[in-house]
Amino acid sequence: MVSKILALSLSRRRTRCMQCARVLFGVVTTIPALDAAKAKAPPPSSSSGGKSAKKKKWSKGKVKDKAQHAVAVDKPMYDRILKEVPTFKFVSQSILIERLKVNGSLARVAIRHLEKEGLIKRIVHHSQQLVYTRSTASD
């Protein structure tokens, strides 16, 4: 009886409302369409959309370890500079920093010292890059 009244009063487009009304009046205990939707839906998780979802964080990229270069010249380092650097075919500040693990200012001072000693000779002298090579026997 109640279902017939509800069917007449509600339009056919609103089937869900009709089913809700049936549940309210006790004709049907559950709504079959909602039960099927709940069964298909995955359990709620924190990765779902909406305001409560966390934003994707961009990776910071690869982080290079901070180099521990020498900031003072001791006797073994001085001997190593005098022995190894004149054998390099190409000598620059960046080469000394990389191979000898010294500070940039120490590399510049070492290059000036080796040039004064005559162990290396200048190829290019620019304000931002000093390029040297080993001295040959004919020089």
C-alpha atoms as a PDB file:
ATOM      1  CA  MET A   1       0.000   0.000   0.000  1.00  0.00           C
ATOM      2  CA  VAL A   2       2.723   2.466   1.022  1.00  0.00           C
ATOM      3  CA  SER A   3       4.835   1.542  -1.957  1.00  0.00           C
ATOM      4  CA  LYS A   4       1.946   2.241  -4.352  1.00  0.00           C
ATOM      5  CA  ILE A   5       1.427   5.694  -2.857  1.00  0.00           C
ATOM      6  CA  LEU A   6       5.119   6.447  -3.062  1.00  0.00           C
ATOM      7  CA  ALA A   7       5.299   5.223  -6.634  1.00  0.00           C
ATOM      8  CA  LEU A   8       2.478   7.538  -7.655  1.00  0.00           C
ATOM      9  CA  SER A   9       3.774  10.563  -5.780  1.00  0.00           C
ATOM     10  CA  LEU A  10       7.368  10.417  -6.995  1.00  0.00           C
ATOM     11  CA  SER A  11       8.402  10.782 -10.593  1.00  0.00           C
ATOM     12  CA  ARG A  12      10.100   7.925 -12.370  1.00  0.00           C
ATOM     13  CA  ARG A  13      13.302   9.921 -12.790  1.00  0.00           C
ATOM     14  CA  ARG A  14      13.891   9.935  -9.054  1.00  0.00           C
ATOM     15  CA  THR A  15      14.199   6.228  -8.466  1.00  0.00           C
ATOM     16  CA  ARG A  16      16.817   6.717  -5.796  1.00  0.00           C
ATOM     17  CA  CYS A  17      14.510   9.020  -3.835  1.00  0.00           C
ATOM     18  CA  MET A  18      11.786   6.461  -4.145  1.00  0.00           C
ATOM     19  CA  GLN A  19      14.083   3.783  -2.811  1.00  0.00           C
ATOM     20  CA  CYS A  20      15.088   6.050   0.073  1.00  0.00           C
ATOM     21  CA  ALA A  21      11.465   6.705   0.887  1.00  0.00           C
ATOM     22  CA  ARG A  22      10.765   2.978   0.920  1.00  0.00           C
ATOM     23  CA  VAL A  23      13.566   2.516   3.415  1.00  0.00           C
ATOM     24  CA  LEU A  24      12.184   5.335   5.576  1.00  0.00           C
ATOM     25  CA  PHE A  25       8.720   3.854   5.646  1.00  0.00           C
ATOM     26  CA  GLY A  26      10.070   0.384   6.405  1.00  0.00           C
ATOM     27  CA  VAL A  27       8.988  -1.274   3.175  1.00  0.00           C
ATOM     28  CA  VAL A  28      12.589  -2.144   2.220  1.00  0.00           C
ATOM     29  CA  THR A  29      15.356  -2.445   4.793  1.00  0.00           C
ATOM     30  CA  THR A  30      18.274  -1.542   2.492  1.00  0.00           C
ATOM     31  CA  ILE A  31      18.758   0.161  -0.850  1.00  0.00           C
ATOM     32  CA  PRO A  32      20.132  -2.402  -3.332  1.00  0.00           C
ATOM     33  CA  ALA A  33      21.834   0.185  -5.570  1.00  0.00           C
ATOM     34  CA  LEU A  34      23.739   1.686  -2.636  1.00  0.00           C
ATOM     35  CA  ASP A  35      24.748  -1.743  -1.346  1.00  0.00           C
ATOM     36  CA  ALA A  36      26.197  -2.646  -4.745  1.00  0.00           C
ATOM     37  CA  ALA A  37      28.098   0.641  -4.921  1.00  0.00           C
ATOM     38  CA  LYS A  38      29.545   0.117  -1.440  1.00  0.00           C
ATOM     39  CA  ALA A  39      30.650  -3.404  -2.335  1.00  0.00           C
ATOM     40  CA  LYS A  40      32.448  -2.209  -5.481  1.00  0.00           C
ATOM     41  CA  ALA A  41      34.085   0.826  -3.881  1.00  0.00           C
ATOM     42  CA  PRO A  42      37.581   0.297  -2.424  1.00  0.00           C
ATOM     43  CA  PRO A  43      38.126   1.143   1.229  1.00  0.00           C
ATOM     44  CA  PRO A  44      38.931   4.825   1.814  1.00  0.00           C
ATOM     45  CA  SER A  45      42.639   5.610   1.920  1.00  0.00           C
ATOM     46  CA  SER A  46      44.748   8.684   2.570  1.00  0.00           C
ATOM     47  CA  SER A  47      45.874   8.840  -1.075  1.00  0.00           C
ATOM     48  CA  SER A  48      42.388   9.670  -2.345  1.00  0.00           C
ATOM     49  CA  GLY A  49      41.696  13.111  -3.785  1.00  0.00           C
ATOM     50  CA  GLY A  50      40.288  16.047  -1.925  1.00  0.00           C
ATOM     51  CA  LYS A  51      41.555  18.524   0.602  1.00  0.00           C
ATOM     52  CA  SER A  52      42.741  15.917   3.067  1.00  0.00           C
ATOM     53  CA  ALA A  53      45.016  14.251   0.491  1.00  0.00           C
ATOM     54  CA  LYS A  54      48.707  15.088   0.736  1.00  0.00           C
ATOM     55  CA  LYS A  55      50.318  16.855  -2.187  1.00  0.00           C
ATOM     56  CA  LYS A  56      52.944  14.979  -4.179  1.00  0.00           C
ATOM     57  CA  LYS A  57      56.345  16.137  -3.078  1.00  0.00           C
ATOM     58  CA  TRP A  58      58.963  16.775  -5.725  1.00  0.00           C
ATOM     59  CA  SER A  59      62.230  14.972  -5.233  1.00  0.00           C
ATOM     60  CA  LYS A  60      65.083  17.147  -4.126  1.00  0.00           C
ATOM     61  CA  GLY A  61      67.355  15.673  -6.773  1.00  0.00           C
ATOM     62  CA  LYS A  62      70.694  14.097  -6.184  1.00  0.00           C
ATOM     63  CA  VAL A  63      72.648  15.783  -3.424  1.00  0.00           C
ATOM     64  CA  LYS A  64      76.390  15.882  -3.870  1.00  0.00           C
ATOM     65  CA  ASP A  65      78.443  15.340  -0.732  1.00  0.00           C
ATOM     66  CA  LYS A  66      80.336  18.367   0.461  1.00  0.00           C
ATOM     67  CA  ALA A  67      83.987  18.030  -0.444  1.00  0.00           C
ATOM     68  CA  GLN A  68      86.548  18.098   2.354  1.00  0.00           C
ATOM     69  CA  HIS A  69      89.450  19.913   0.710  1.00  0.00           C
ATOM     70  CA  ALA A  70      92.686  20.955   2.390  1.00  0.00           C
ATOM     71  CA  VAL A  71      92.764  24.626   3.379  1.00  0.00           C
ATOM     72  CA  ALA A  72      96.415  24.745   4.435  1.00  0.00           C
ATOM     73  CA  VAL A  73      99.586  23.349   2.869  1.00  0.00           C
ATOM     74  CA  ASP A  74     101.711  21.074   5.005  1.00  0.00           C
ATOM     75  CA  LYS A  75     105.067  19.535   4.099  1.00  0.00           C
ATOM     76  CA  PRO A  76     103.699  16.320   2.490  1.00  0.00           C
ATOM     77  CA  MET A  77     101.187  18.316   0.432  1.00  0.00           C
ATOM     78  CA  TYR A  78     103.896  20.773  -0.700  1.00  0.00           C
ATOM     79  CA  ASP A  79     106.165  17.898  -1.778  1.00  0.00           C
ATOM     80  CA  ARG A  80     103.267  16.256  -3.615  1.00  0.00           C
ATOM     81  CA  ILE A  81     102.490  19.505  -5.468  1.00  0.00           C
ATOM     82  CA  LEU A  82     106.127  19.927  -6.527  1.00  0.00           C
ATOM     83  CA  LYS A  83     106.370  16.290  -7.643  1.00  0.00           C
ATOM     84  CA  GLU A  84     103.003  15.650  -9.372  1.00  0.00           C
ATOM     85  CA  VAL A  85     101.818  18.945 -10.858  1.00  0.00           C
ATOM     86  CA  PRO A  86     104.756  19.506 -13.264  1.00  0.00           C
ATOM     87  CA  THR A  87     103.956  16.127 -14.849  1.00  0.00           C
ATOM     88  CA  PHE A  88     100.364  17.139 -15.713  1.00  0.00           C
ATOM     89  CA  LYS A  89      99.895  17.958 -19.389  1.00  0.00           C
ATOM     90  CA  PHE A  90      97.140  20.456 -18.572  1.00  0.00           C
ATOM     91  CA  VAL A  91      97.269  22.477 -15.351  1.00  0.00           C
ATOM     92  CA  SER A  92      94.463  24.729 -14.139  1.00  0.00           C
ATOM     93  CA  GLN A  93      92.911  25.669 -10.842  1.00  0.00           C
ATOM     94  CA  SER A  94      90.051  23.201 -11.277  1.00  0.00           C
ATOM     95  CA  ILE A  95      92.469  20.350 -12.107  1.00  0.00           C
ATOM     96  CA  LEU A  96      94.425  20.940  -8.902  1.00  0.00           C
ATOM     97  CA  ILE A  97      91.241  21.119  -6.842  1.00  0.00           C
ATOM     98  CA  GLU A  98      89.981  17.847  -8.297  1.00  0.00           C
ATOM     99  CA  ARG A  99      93.194  15.797  -8.246  1.00  0.00           C
ATOM    100  CA  LEU A 100      94.952  17.111  -5.145  1.00  0.00           C
ATOM    101  CA  LYS A 101      91.834  17.880  -3.054  1.00  0.00           C
ATOM    102  CA  VAL A 102      92.973  21.384  -2.160  1.00  0.00           C
ATOM    103  CA  ASN A 103      91.021  24.595  -1.729  1.00  0.00           C
ATOM    104  CA  GLY A 104      90.659  26.962  -4.706  1.00  0.00           C
ATOM    105  CA  SER A 105      92.797  29.674  -3.165  1.00  0.00           C
ATOM    106  CA  LEU A 106      95.561  27.146  -2.443  1.00  0.00           C
ATOM    107  CA  ALA A 107      95.398  25.956  -6.039  1.00  0.00           C
ATOM    108  CA  ARG A 108      95.899  29.512  -7.322  1.00  0.00           C
ATOM    109  CA  VAL A 109      98.856  30.087  -4.992  1.00  0.00           C
ATOM    110  CA  ALA A 110     100.408  26.738  -5.984  1.00  0.00           C
ATOM    111  CA  ILE A 111     100.086  27.595  -9.676  1.00  0.00           C
ATOM    112  CA  ARG A 112     101.769  30.981  -9.147  1.00  0.00           C
ATOM    113  CA  HIS A 113     104.553  29.330  -7.142  1.00  0.00           C
ATOM    114  CA  LEU A 114     105.169  26.642  -9.773  1.00  0.00           C
ATOM    115  CA  GLU A 115     105.257  29.245 -12.543  1.00  0.00           C
ATOM    116  CA  LYS A 116     107.787  31.309 -10.587  1.00  0.00           C
ATOM    117  CA  GLU A 117     109.912  28.178 -10.113  1.00  0.00           C
ATOM    118  CA  GLY A 118     109.712  27.524 -13.866  1.00  0.00           C
ATOM    119  CA  LEU A 119     108.100  24.096 -13.514  1.00  0.00           C
ATOM    120  CA  ILE A 120     105.008  25.025 -15.554  1.00  0.00           C
ATOM    121  CA  LYS A 121     104.455  27.594 -18.304  1.00  0.00           C
ATOM    122  CA  ARG A 122     101.460  29.766 -19.071  1.00  0.00           C
ATOM    123  CA  ILE A 123      99.248  29.095 -22.065  1.00  0.00           C
ATOM    124  CA  VAL A 124      96.275  31.357 -21.334  1.00  0.00           C
ATOM    125  CA  HIS A 125      96.031  33.929 -18.570  1.00  0.00           C
ATOM    126  CA  HIS A 126      92.459  35.093 -18.274  1.00  0.00           C
ATOM    127  CA  SER A 127      90.925  36.847 -15.288  1.00  0.00           C
ATOM    128  CA  GLN A 128      88.678  33.870 -14.582  1.00  0.00           C
ATOM    129  CA  GLN A 129      90.697  30.896 -15.823  1.00  0.00           C
ATOM    130  CA  LEU A 130      94.428  30.261 -15.640  1.00  0.00           C
ATOM    131  CA  VAL A 131      95.638  27.600 -18.077  1.00  0.00           C
ATOM    132  CA  TYR A 132      99.157  26.181 -17.849  1.00  0.00           C
ATOM    133  CA  THR A 133     101.115  23.226 -19.156  1.00  0.00           C
ATOM    134  CA  ARG A 134     104.287  21.418 -18.110  1.00  0.00           C
ATOM    135  CA  SER A 135     107.600  22.933 -19.022  1.00  0.00           C
ATOM    136  CA  THR A 136     109.605  20.967 -21.543  1.00  0.00           C
ATOM    137  CA  ALA A 137     113.393  20.515 -21.452  1.00  0.00           C
ATOM    138  CA  SER A 138     113.885  22.789 -24.472  1.00  0.00           C
ATOM    139  CA  ASP A 139     112.211  25.702 -22.647  1.00  0.00           C
END
